Amino acid sequence: EKPLTKSLQRGEDPQFDQVINSMSSLSEYCLPSILRTLFDWYKRQNGIEDESHEYRPRTSNKSKSDEQQRDYLMERRDLAIDFIFSLVLIEVLKQIPLHPVIDSLIHDVINLAFKHFKYKEGYLGPNTGNMHIVADLYAEVIGVLAQAK
């Protein structure tokens, strides 16, 4: 399977790029609302009802290849959600100098980013490369925050 950077690469899908650019333009006028909406989308996609969600790869010790394939696909889906979420965050957070942003939203972004930096001890599954890509994107999110603040 292709890495997420190939499947969701900027410049490959004009509509995807247009949505991200539109989010960036909107955030010039209503950044706090955009951030809240992004977090709501992220929580809905991941089925998160409370703030205590921690990203965990789905691993299976079962011998059934169907269950392993399902776990792999669910993990890849979660990583794709994080990939898209972080790409949009990178674009919209550049607008922080234009707006006072609620500190709790920034705190949520930072907490989520650092959850992706945790070492996945003993995990060497098929999505390891994608996990590193997502962690790199969240590092870029932190970099954008550092420059903007």
N, C-alpha and C. Protein backbone atom coordinates (compact mmCIF):
# COMPACT_ATOMS: atom_id res chain seq x y z
N GLU A 1 0.83 -1.19 0.00
CA GLU A 1 0.00 0.00 0.00
C GLU A 1 0.87 1.25 0.00
N LYS A 2 0.32 2.30 -0.60
CA LYS A 2 1.04 3.56 -0.67
C LYS A 2 1.04 4.26 0.69
N PRO A 3 2.13 4.96 1.00
CA PRO A 3 2.12 5.77 2.23
C PRO A 3 1.08 6.89 2.10
N LEU A 4 0.66 7.41 3.23
CA LEU A 4 -0.35 8.47 3.24
C LEU A 4 0.10 9.69 2.45
N THR A 5 1.39 9.96 2.45
CA THR A 5 1.87 11.14 1.72
C THR A 5 1.61 11.02 0.23
N LYS A 6 1.57 9.80 -0.28
CA LYS A 6 1.27 9.60 -1.71
C LYS A 6 -0.23 9.66 -1.96
N SER A 7 -1.02 9.08 -1.06
CA SER A 7 -2.47 9.04 -1.24
C SER A 7 -3.11 10.41 -1.04
N LEU A 8 -2.62 11.17 -0.08
CA LEU A 8 -3.23 12.45 0.28
C LEU A 8 -2.30 13.63 0.02
N GLN A 9 -1.43 13.49 -0.94
CA GLN A 9 -0.42 14.51 -1.22
C GLN A 9 -1.05 15.80 -1.71
N ARG A 10 -0.55 16.91 -1.19
CA ARG A 10 -1.00 18.23 -1.65
C ARG A 10 -0.61 18.37 -3.12
N GLY A 11 -1.51 18.95 -3.90
CA GLY A 11 -1.24 19.15 -5.31
C GLY A 11 -1.77 18.04 -6.20
N GLU A 12 -2.13 16.91 -5.61
CA GLU A 12 -2.63 15.78 -6.39
C GLU A 12 -4.14 15.87 -6.61
N ASP A 13 -4.85 16.46 -5.68
CA ASP A 13 -6.30 16.56 -5.75
C ASP A 13 -6.69 18.03 -5.60
N PRO A 14 -7.08 18.67 -6.70
CA PRO A 14 -7.39 20.11 -6.64
C PRO A 14 -8.51 20.45 -5.65
N GLN A 15 -9.50 19.57 -5.53
CA GLN A 15 -10.60 19.84 -4.60
C GLN A 15 -10.12 19.79 -3.15
N PHE A 16 -9.28 18.82 -2.83
CA PHE A 16 -8.71 18.70 -1.49
C PHE A 16 -7.89 19.95 -1.16
N ASP A 17 -7.07 20.37 -2.10
CA ASP A 17 -6.26 21.58 -1.91
C ASP A 17 -7.15 22.82 -1.75
N GLN A 18 -8.23 22.88 -2.51
CA GLN A 18 -9.13 24.03 -2.43
C GLN A 18 -9.81 24.08 -1.06
N VAL A 19 -10.20 22.92 -0.53
CA VAL A 19 -10.83 22.90 0.79
C VAL A 19 -9.84 23.41 1.85
N ILE A 20 -8.60 22.94 1.78
CA ILE A 20 -7.59 23.38 2.75
C ILE A 20 -7.32 24.88 2.61
N ASN A 21 -7.21 25.35 1.38
CA ASN A 21 -6.99 26.79 1.16
C ASN A 21 -8.18 27.62 1.64
N SER A 22 -9.38 27.10 1.44
CA SER A 22 -10.58 27.80 1.91
C SER A 22 -10.60 27.88 3.43
N MET A 23 -10.22 26.79 4.09
CA MET A 23 -10.16 26.79 5.55
C MET A 23 -9.16 27.84 6.03
N SER A 24 -8.03 27.93 5.34
CA SER A 24 -7.02 28.92 5.71
C SER A 24 -7.57 30.34 5.54
N SER A 25 -8.24 30.58 4.43
CA SER A 25 -8.82 31.91 4.19
C SER A 25 -9.90 32.25 5.22
N LEU A 26 -10.75 31.28 5.53
CA LEU A 26 -11.79 31.50 6.54
C LEU A 26 -11.20 31.80 7.91
N SER A 27 -10.10 31.14 8.21
CA SER A 27 -9.50 31.31 9.54
C SER A 27 -8.94 32.72 9.74
N GLU A 28 -8.76 33.47 8.66
CA GLU A 28 -8.36 34.87 8.80
C GLU A 28 -9.44 35.68 9.51
N TYR A 29 -10.68 35.23 9.40
CA TYR A 29 -11.81 35.98 9.96
C TYR A 29 -12.43 35.34 11.20
N CYS A 30 -12.28 34.03 11.32
CA CYS A 30 -12.96 33.35 12.44
C CYS A 30 -12.15 32.14 12.92
N LEU A 31 -10.91 32.36 13.26
CA LEU A 31 -10.02 31.26 13.66
C LEU A 31 -10.56 30.44 14.83
N PRO A 32 -11.02 31.04 15.92
CA PRO A 32 -11.52 30.21 17.02
C PRO A 32 -12.66 29.27 16.60
N SER A 33 -13.57 29.77 15.78
CA SER A 33 -14.68 28.93 15.31
C SER A 33 -14.18 27.80 14.42
N ILE A 34 -13.22 28.11 13.56
CA ILE A 34 -12.64 27.08 12.69
C ILE A 34 -11.97 26.01 13.53
N LEU A 35 -11.20 26.41 14.54
CA LEU A 35 -10.53 25.42 15.39
C LEU A 35 -11.53 24.55 16.14
N ARG A 36 -12.57 25.16 16.67
CA ARG A 36 -13.60 24.36 17.37
C ARG A 36 -14.26 23.38 16.41
N THR A 37 -14.56 23.84 15.21
CA THR A 37 -15.19 22.97 14.21
C THR A 37 -14.26 21.84 13.81
N LEU A 38 -12.98 22.14 13.65
CA LEU A 38 -12.01 21.10 13.32
C LEU A 38 -11.93 20.04 14.41
N PHE A 39 -11.89 20.48 15.66
CA PHE A 39 -11.85 19.51 16.76
C PHE A 39 -13.13 18.69 16.83
N ASP A 40 -14.27 19.32 16.57
CA ASP A 40 -15.53 18.56 16.54
C ASP A 40 -15.49 17.50 15.45
N TRP A 41 -14.99 17.87 14.26
CA TRP A 41 -14.87 16.91 13.16
C TRP A 41 -13.94 15.76 13.56
N TYR A 42 -12.80 16.11 14.15
CA TYR A 42 -11.82 15.11 14.56
C TYR A 42 -12.42 14.13 15.57
N LYS A 43 -13.14 14.67 16.53
CA LYS A 43 -13.76 13.82 17.55
C LYS A 43 -14.83 12.92 16.95
N ARG A 44 -15.62 13.45 16.03
CA ARG A 44 -16.65 12.63 15.38
C ARG A 44 -16.02 11.51 14.56
N GLN A 45 -14.96 11.83 13.84
CA GLN A 45 -14.31 10.81 13.01
C GLN A 45 -13.73 9.68 13.85
N ASN A 46 -13.22 10.03 15.01
CA ASN A 46 -12.59 9.04 15.88
C ASN A 46 -13.55 8.45 16.91
N GLY A 47 -14.79 8.92 16.92
CA GLY A 47 -15.75 8.40 17.88
C GLY A 47 -15.41 8.78 19.30
N ILE A 48 -14.83 9.97 19.47
CA ILE A 48 -14.39 10.43 20.79
C ILE A 48 -15.51 11.26 21.40
N GLU A 49 -15.92 10.85 22.58
CA GLU A 49 -16.97 11.60 23.28
C GLU A 49 -16.38 12.47 24.38
N ASP A 50 -15.20 12.11 24.86
CA ASP A 50 -14.60 12.89 25.95
C ASP A 50 -13.19 13.28 25.56
N GLU A 51 -12.56 14.08 26.39
CA GLU A 51 -11.24 14.63 26.10
C GLU A 51 -10.10 13.66 26.39
N SER A 52 -10.41 12.49 26.94
CA SER A 52 -9.34 11.59 27.39
C SER A 52 -8.83 10.66 26.29
N HIS A 53 -9.20 10.89 25.04
CA HIS A 53 -8.76 10.02 23.96
C HIS A 53 -7.24 10.05 23.82
N GLU A 54 -6.70 8.87 23.69
CA GLU A 54 -5.27 8.77 23.42
C GLU A 54 -5.11 7.87 22.21
N TYR A 55 -4.33 8.33 21.25
CA TYR A 55 -4.14 7.54 20.04
C TYR A 55 -3.44 6.24 20.38
N ARG A 56 -4.03 5.16 19.94
CA ARG A 56 -3.42 3.84 20.14
C ARG A 56 -3.54 3.07 18.84
N PRO A 57 -2.44 2.51 18.38
CA PRO A 57 -2.55 1.67 17.20
C PRO A 57 -3.37 0.43 17.53
N ARG A 58 -4.12 -0.01 16.57
CA ARG A 58 -4.93 -1.22 16.78
C ARG A 58 -4.09 -2.42 16.36
N THR A 59 -3.72 -3.21 17.32
CA THR A 59 -2.95 -4.41 17.02
C THR A 59 -3.78 -5.61 17.38
N SER A 60 -3.49 -6.70 16.74
CA SER A 60 -4.24 -7.91 16.99
C SER A 60 -3.27 -9.07 17.09
N ASN A 61 -3.42 -9.85 18.15
CA ASN A 61 -2.60 -11.05 18.30
C ASN A 61 -3.33 -12.27 17.76
N LYS A 62 -4.51 -12.08 17.24
CA LYS A 62 -5.30 -13.19 16.71
C LYS A 62 -4.71 -13.65 15.39
N SER A 63 -4.86 -14.91 15.12
CA SER A 63 -4.23 -15.47 13.93
C SER A 63 -5.07 -15.28 12.67
N LYS A 64 -6.28 -14.85 12.80
CA LYS A 64 -7.14 -14.70 11.63
C LYS A 64 -6.67 -13.53 10.78
N SER A 65 -6.42 -13.82 9.52
CA SER A 65 -5.93 -12.77 8.63
C SER A 65 -6.99 -11.71 8.37
N ASP A 66 -8.27 -12.08 8.41
CA ASP A 66 -9.33 -11.10 8.23
C ASP A 66 -9.32 -10.05 9.33
N GLU A 67 -9.14 -10.50 10.56
CA GLU A 67 -9.11 -9.56 11.68
C GLU A 67 -7.86 -8.69 11.63
N GLN A 68 -6.74 -9.28 11.23
CA GLN A 68 -5.51 -8.51 11.10
C GLN A 68 -5.66 -7.46 10.00
N GLN A 69 -6.29 -7.85 8.90
CA GLN A 69 -6.51 -6.91 7.80
C GLN A 69 -7.44 -5.78 8.25
N ARG A 70 -8.48 -6.13 8.99
CA ARG A 70 -9.41 -5.12 9.51
C ARG A 70 -8.69 -4.17 10.45
N ASP A 71 -7.87 -4.71 11.35
CA ASP A 71 -7.12 -3.86 12.28
C ASP A 71 -6.19 -2.92 11.52
N TYR A 72 -5.52 -3.45 10.50
CA TYR A 72 -4.61 -2.65 9.69
C TYR A 72 -5.38 -1.50 9.02
N LEU A 73 -6.54 -1.82 8.44
CA LEU A 73 -7.31 -0.79 7.76
C LEU A 73 -7.87 0.25 8.72
N MET A 74 -8.31 -0.18 9.89
CA MET A 74 -8.81 0.77 10.89
C MET A 74 -7.68 1.69 11.38
N GLU A 75 -6.51 1.11 11.57
CA GLU A 75 -5.36 1.91 11.99
C GLU A 75 -4.98 2.90 10.90
N ARG A 76 -5.00 2.46 9.65
CA ARG A 76 -4.68 3.33 8.53
C ARG A 76 -5.72 4.46 8.42
N ARG A 77 -6.98 4.13 8.66
CA ARG A 77 -8.04 5.14 8.65
C ARG A 77 -7.76 6.20 9.71
N ASP A 78 -7.44 5.76 10.92
CA ASP A 78 -7.13 6.70 12.00
C ASP A 78 -5.96 7.60 11.63
N LEU A 79 -4.95 7.00 11.01
CA LEU A 79 -3.78 7.79 10.60
C LEU A 79 -4.14 8.78 9.50
N ALA A 80 -5.03 8.38 8.58
CA ALA A 80 -5.47 9.30 7.52
C ALA A 80 -6.22 10.48 8.11
N ILE A 81 -7.05 10.22 9.12
CA ILE A 81 -7.77 11.30 9.80
C ILE A 81 -6.77 12.26 10.43
N ASP A 82 -5.77 11.72 11.13
CA ASP A 82 -4.75 12.57 11.75
C ASP A 82 -3.95 13.32 10.70
N PHE A 83 -3.67 12.69 9.57
CA PHE A 83 -2.93 13.31 8.49
C PHE A 83 -3.68 14.53 7.97
N ILE A 84 -4.96 14.35 7.65
CA ILE A 84 -5.78 15.45 7.13
C ILE A 84 -5.93 16.55 8.18
N PHE A 85 -6.21 16.15 9.41
CA PHE A 85 -6.39 17.10 10.51
C PHE A 85 -5.14 17.96 10.69
N SER A 86 -3.97 17.33 10.67
CA SER A 86 -2.74 18.09 10.88
C SER A 86 -2.43 19.00 9.69
N LEU A 87 -2.73 18.55 8.46
CA LEU A 87 -2.53 19.43 7.30
C LEU A 87 -3.36 20.70 7.42
N VAL A 88 -4.61 20.54 7.83
CA VAL A 88 -5.48 21.71 7.97
C VAL A 88 -5.00 22.59 9.12
N LEU A 89 -4.61 21.97 10.23
CA LEU A 89 -4.10 22.76 11.36
C LEU A 89 -2.90 23.61 10.95
N ILE A 90 -2.00 23.02 10.18
CA ILE A 90 -0.81 23.75 9.73
C ILE A 90 -1.22 25.02 8.98
N GLU A 91 -2.24 24.91 8.14
CA GLU A 91 -2.68 26.06 7.36
C GLU A 91 -3.43 27.09 8.20
N VAL A 92 -4.34 26.64 9.05
CA VAL A 92 -5.17 27.61 9.78
C VAL A 92 -4.44 28.26 10.94
N LEU A 93 -3.51 27.55 11.55
CA LEU A 93 -2.81 28.13 12.71
C LEU A 93 -1.85 29.25 12.31
N LYS A 94 -1.58 29.38 11.03
CA LYS A 94 -0.75 30.49 10.56
C LYS A 94 -1.45 31.83 10.78
N GLN A 95 -2.76 31.79 11.03
CA GLN A 95 -3.54 33.01 11.21
C GLN A 95 -3.60 33.48 12.67
N ILE A 96 -2.91 32.78 13.56
CA ILE A 96 -2.94 33.15 14.99
C ILE A 96 -2.56 34.62 15.23
N PRO A 97 -1.57 35.18 14.55
CA PRO A 97 -1.24 36.58 14.82
C PRO A 97 -2.39 37.55 14.54
N LEU A 98 -3.36 37.13 13.73
CA LEU A 98 -4.48 38.01 13.39
C LEU A 98 -5.62 37.96 14.41
N HIS A 99 -5.61 36.96 15.28
CA HIS A 99 -6.74 36.74 16.19
C HIS A 99 -6.29 36.38 17.59
N PRO A 100 -7.03 36.85 18.56
CA PRO A 100 -6.82 36.27 19.90
C PRO A 100 -7.50 34.90 19.91
N VAL A 101 -6.74 33.89 20.22
CA VAL A 101 -7.28 32.53 20.23
C VAL A 101 -7.38 32.07 21.67
N ILE A 102 -8.44 31.37 21.95
CA ILE A 102 -8.66 30.85 23.30
C ILE A 102 -7.53 29.88 23.63
N ASP A 103 -6.88 30.12 24.78
CA ASP A 103 -5.74 29.30 25.18
C ASP A 103 -6.09 27.82 25.29
N SER A 104 -7.32 27.50 25.66
CA SER A 104 -7.69 26.09 25.79
C SER A 104 -7.64 25.38 24.44
N LEU A 105 -7.96 26.10 23.35
CA LEU A 105 -7.86 25.49 22.02
C LEU A 105 -6.41 25.22 21.65
N ILE A 106 -5.54 26.16 21.94
CA ILE A 106 -4.11 25.97 21.68
C ILE A 106 -3.58 24.82 22.52
N HIS A 107 -4.01 24.77 23.77
CA HIS A 107 -3.61 23.69 24.67
C HIS A 107 -4.06 22.33 24.11
N ASP A 108 -5.27 22.27 23.57
CA ASP A 108 -5.78 21.03 22.97
C ASP A 108 -4.92 20.60 21.77
N VAL A 109 -4.54 21.57 20.95
CA VAL A 109 -3.68 21.27 19.79
C VAL A 109 -2.34 20.71 20.26
N ILE A 110 -1.75 21.36 21.25
CA ILE A 110 -0.44 20.92 21.76
C ILE A 110 -0.54 19.53 22.37
N ASN A 111 -1.56 19.29 23.19
CA ASN A 111 -1.73 17.96 23.80
C ASN A 111 -1.89 16.87 22.75
N LEU A 112 -2.70 17.14 21.75
CA LEU A 112 -2.92 16.15 20.70
C LEU A 112 -1.63 15.88 19.93
N ALA A 113 -0.89 16.93 19.64
CA ALA A 113 0.37 16.76 18.91
C ALA A 113 1.35 15.90 19.70
N PHE A 114 1.48 16.17 20.99
CA PHE A 114 2.45 15.43 21.78
C PHE A 114 2.04 13.97 22.01
N LYS A 115 0.76 13.68 21.92
CA LYS A 115 0.32 12.28 22.01
C LYS A 115 0.87 11.47 20.84
N HIS A 116 1.13 12.13 19.73
CA HIS A 116 1.64 11.42 18.56
C HIS A 116 3.16 11.26 18.58
N PHE A 117 3.81 11.88 19.54
CA PHE A 117 5.26 11.74 19.66
C PHE A 117 5.65 10.60 20.57
N LYS A 118 4.69 10.06 21.31
CA LYS A 118 5.01 8.99 22.24
C LYS A 118 5.56 7.78 21.49
N TYR A 119 6.56 7.19 22.06
CA TYR A 119 7.19 6.02 21.45
C TYR A 119 6.24 4.84 21.51
N LYS A 120 6.04 4.20 20.38
CA LYS A 120 5.17 3.03 20.31
C LYS A 120 6.03 1.79 20.56
N GLU A 121 6.23 1.48 21.81
CA GLU A 121 7.14 0.41 22.21
C GLU A 121 6.72 -0.93 21.62
N GLY A 122 7.64 -1.54 20.92
CA GLY A 122 7.42 -2.87 20.37
C GLY A 122 6.53 -2.92 19.15
N TYR A 123 6.06 -1.79 18.67
CA TYR A 123 5.18 -1.81 17.51
C TYR A 123 5.99 -1.64 16.24
N LEU A 124 5.96 -2.66 15.42
CA LEU A 124 6.63 -2.62 14.13
C LEU A 124 5.67 -3.13 13.06
N GLY A 125 4.45 -2.64 13.08
CA GLY A 125 3.43 -3.09 12.14
C GLY A 125 3.58 -2.44 10.78
N PRO A 126 2.65 -2.76 9.89
CA PRO A 126 2.71 -2.24 8.53
C PRO A 126 2.48 -0.73 8.43
N ASN A 127 1.95 -0.12 9.47
CA ASN A 127 1.68 1.32 9.44
C ASN A 127 2.75 2.15 10.14
N THR A 128 3.87 1.55 10.48
CA THR A 128 4.92 2.27 11.20
C THR A 128 5.37 3.51 10.43
N GLY A 129 5.56 3.38 9.14
CA GLY A 129 5.98 4.52 8.32
C GLY A 129 4.97 5.65 8.35
N ASN A 130 3.69 5.29 8.25
CA ASN A 130 2.63 6.30 8.30
C ASN A 130 2.56 6.97 9.67
N MET A 131 2.84 6.21 10.74
CA MET A 131 2.86 6.80 12.08
C MET A 131 3.94 7.86 12.18
N HIS A 132 5.09 7.59 11.58
CA HIS A 132 6.18 8.57 11.60
C HIS A 132 5.81 9.81 10.78
N ILE A 133 5.13 9.60 9.66
CA ILE A 133 4.70 10.72 8.83
C ILE A 133 3.74 11.62 9.60
N VAL A 134 2.77 11.00 10.28
CA VAL A 134 1.80 11.77 11.07
C VAL A 134 2.50 12.50 12.21
N ALA A 135 3.44 11.84 12.87
CA ALA A 135 4.20 12.49 13.95
C ALA A 135 4.98 13.69 13.40
N ASP A 136 5.56 13.54 12.21
CA ASP A 136 6.27 14.66 11.58
C ASP A 136 5.34 15.83 11.29
N LEU A 137 4.12 15.53 10.83
CA LEU A 137 3.16 16.60 10.56
C LEU A 137 2.76 17.31 11.84
N TYR A 138 2.57 16.54 12.92
CA TYR A 138 2.24 17.19 14.19
C TYR A 138 3.42 18.01 14.70
N ALA A 139 4.64 17.60 14.41
CA ALA A 139 5.81 18.41 14.76
C ALA A 139 5.76 19.73 13.99
N GLU A 140 5.32 19.66 12.74
CA GLU A 140 5.18 20.89 11.96
C GLU A 140 4.08 21.79 12.55
N VAL A 141 3.01 21.18 13.06
CA VAL A 141 1.95 21.94 13.72
C VAL A 141 2.54 22.71 14.91
N ILE A 142 3.36 22.03 15.71
CA ILE A 142 4.01 22.68 16.86
C ILE A 142 4.91 23.81 16.38
N GLY A 143 5.62 23.59 15.27
CA GLY A 143 6.47 24.63 14.70
C GLY A 143 5.69 25.86 14.28
N VAL A 144 4.53 25.64 13.66
CA VAL A 144 3.68 26.76 13.25
C VAL A 144 3.18 27.52 14.48
N LEU A 145 2.80 26.78 15.51
CA LEU A 145 2.37 27.43 16.76
C LEU A 145 3.49 28.26 17.36
N ALA A 146 4.70 27.71 17.37
CA ALA A 146 5.84 28.41 17.95
C ALA A 146 6.13 29.71 17.19
N GLN A 147 6.03 29.66 15.88
CA GLN A 147 6.28 30.86 15.08
C GLN A 147 5.18 31.90 15.25
N ALA A 148 3.96 31.43 15.38
CA ALA A 148 2.82 32.35 15.45
C ALA A 148 2.67 33.00 16.82
N LYS A 149 3.07 32.31 17.87
CA LYS A 149 2.90 32.84 19.23
C LYS A 149 4.05 33.69 19.56
